[in-house]
Amino acid sequence: MGDDLEIVYTPPTEEELFEMFCYEMFLRHKDEKFDWENKHVDISSKEYKKENKSFLKKEFKRLRKKGNL
């Protein structure tokens, strides 16, 4: 076993972090809608991102600045 396996970690890019953030916010939105209205969300995560892009960008920047992301 002379071959050592080397695992290299590449941190996510800012764009990848934003995509993960948007998906997490979509999942929270789905849960809240069901908890409050007992209804399922009938839009996709892409539609949610498109409809709320301004809010998502502002919130992402705010949380990144505070160091919470």
C-alpha atoms as a PDB file:
ATOM      1  CA  MET A   1       0.000   0.000   0.000  1.00  0.00           C
ATOM      2  CA  GLY A   2       2.521   2.534  -1.090  1.00  0.00           C
ATOM      3  CA  ASP A   3      -0.095   4.799  -2.636  1.00  0.00           C
ATOM      4  CA  ASP A   4      -1.341   7.342  -0.149  1.00  0.00           C
ATOM      5  CA  LEU A   5      -4.776   8.730  -0.742  1.00  0.00           C
ATOM      6  CA  GLU A   6      -4.728  12.484  -0.438  1.00  0.00           C
ATOM      7  CA  ILE A   7      -8.022  14.272   0.066  1.00  0.00           C
ATOM      8  CA  VAL A   8      -8.029  17.911  -0.876  1.00  0.00           C
ATOM      9  CA  TYR A   9     -10.803  20.170   0.406  1.00  0.00           C
ATOM     10  CA  THR A  10     -11.870  23.040  -1.794  1.00  0.00           C
ATOM     11  CA  PRO A  11     -14.049  25.538   0.052  1.00  0.00           C
ATOM     12  CA  PRO A  12     -17.268  26.556  -1.704  1.00  0.00           C
ATOM     13  CA  THR A  13     -17.237  29.672  -3.832  1.00  0.00           C
ATOM     14  CA  GLU A  14     -19.347  32.698  -2.954  1.00  0.00           C
ATOM     15  CA  GLU A  15     -21.785  31.693  -5.705  1.00  0.00           C
ATOM     16  CA  GLU A  16     -22.090  28.165  -4.320  1.00  0.00           C
ATOM     17  CA  LEU A  17     -22.666  29.536  -0.823  1.00  0.00           C
ATOM     18  CA  PHE A  18     -25.415  31.797  -2.182  1.00  0.00           C
ATOM     19  CA  GLU A  19     -27.080  28.867  -3.972  1.00  0.00           C
ATOM     20  CA  MET A  20     -27.022  26.779  -0.778  1.00  0.00           C
ATOM     21  CA  PHE A  21     -28.393  29.743   1.191  1.00  0.00           C
ATOM     22  CA  CYS A  22     -31.251  30.224  -1.295  1.00  0.00           C
ATOM     23  CA  TYR A  23     -32.179  26.547  -1.145  1.00  0.00           C
ATOM     24  CA  GLU A  24     -32.120  26.580   2.658  1.00  0.00           C
ATOM     25  CA  MET A  25     -34.389  29.640   2.673  1.00  0.00           C
ATOM     26  CA  PHE A  26     -36.760  27.874   0.260  1.00  0.00           C
ATOM     27  CA  LEU A  27     -36.949  24.855   2.575  1.00  0.00           C
ATOM     28  CA  ARG A  28     -37.702  27.144   5.520  1.00  0.00           C
ATOM     29  CA  HIS A  29     -40.398  28.871   3.463  1.00  0.00           C
ATOM     30  CA  LYS A  30     -41.988  25.492   2.670  1.00  0.00           C
ATOM     31  CA  ASP A  31     -41.994  24.495   6.338  1.00  0.00           C
ATOM     32  CA  GLU A  32     -43.417  27.825   7.496  1.00  0.00           C
ATOM     33  CA  LYS A  33     -46.191  27.796   4.909  1.00  0.00           C
ATOM     34  CA  PHE A  34     -47.198  24.311   5.952  1.00  0.00           C
ATOM     35  CA  ASP A  35     -47.001  25.148   9.673  1.00  0.00           C
ATOM     36  CA  TRP A  36     -49.016  28.362   9.354  1.00  0.00           C
ATOM     37  CA  GLU A  37     -51.482  27.562   6.581  1.00  0.00           C
ATOM     38  CA  ASN A  38     -51.383  23.758   6.428  1.00  0.00           C
ATOM     39  CA  LYS A  39     -50.692  24.107   2.691  1.00  0.00           C
ATOM     40  CA  HIS A  40     -47.880  22.853   0.535  1.00  0.00           C
ATOM     41  CA  VAL A  41     -45.797  25.235  -1.563  1.00  0.00           C
ATOM     42  CA  ASP A  42     -46.562  24.794  -5.248  1.00  0.00           C
ATOM     43  CA  ILE A  43     -43.448  26.479  -6.647  1.00  0.00           C
ATOM     44  CA  SER A  44     -39.956  25.131  -7.210  1.00  0.00           C
ATOM     45  CA  SER A  45     -36.833  26.362  -5.452  1.00  0.00           C
ATOM     46  CA  LYS A  46     -35.789  28.076  -8.704  1.00  0.00           C
ATOM     47  CA  GLU A  47     -39.083  29.963  -8.882  1.00  0.00           C
ATOM     48  CA  TYR A  48     -38.772  30.925  -5.226  1.00  0.00           C
ATOM     49  CA  LYS A  49     -35.270  32.270  -5.849  1.00  0.00           C
ATOM     50  CA  LYS A  50     -36.427  34.218  -8.898  1.00  0.00           C
ATOM     51  CA  GLU A  51     -39.394  35.773  -7.065  1.00  0.00           C
ATOM     52  CA  ASN A  52     -37.350  36.694  -3.972  1.00  0.00           C
ATOM     53  CA  LYS A  53     -33.924  37.406  -5.442  1.00  0.00           C
ATOM     54  CA  SER A  54     -33.634  40.939  -4.038  1.00  0.00           C
ATOM     55  CA  PHE A  55     -34.543  39.828  -0.514  1.00  0.00           C
ATOM     56  CA  LEU A  56     -32.271  36.783  -0.709  1.00  0.00           C
ATOM     57  CA  LYS A  57     -29.275  38.845  -1.867  1.00  0.00           C
ATOM     58  CA  LYS A  58     -29.761  41.424   0.906  1.00  0.00           C
ATOM     59  CA  GLU A  59     -30.203  38.782   3.583  1.00  0.00           C
ATOM     60  CA  PHE A  60     -27.198  36.786   2.349  1.00  0.00           C
ATOM     61  CA  LYS A  61     -24.972  39.881   2.413  1.00  0.00           C
ATOM     62  CA  ARG A  62     -26.251  40.874   5.861  1.00  0.00           C
ATOM     63  CA  LEU A  63     -25.567  37.437   7.323  1.00  0.00           C
ATOM     64  CA  ARG A  64     -22.143  37.163   5.648  1.00  0.00           C
ATOM     65  CA  LYS A  65     -21.186  40.569   7.051  1.00  0.00           C
ATOM     66  CA  LYS A  66     -22.227  39.511  10.559  1.00  0.00           C
ATOM     67  CA  GLY A  67     -20.202  36.315  10.188  1.00  0.00           C
ATOM     68  CA  ASN A  68     -23.225  34.075  10.609  1.00  0.00           C
ATOM     69  CA  LEU A  69     -22.727  32.334   7.299  1.00  0.00           C
END
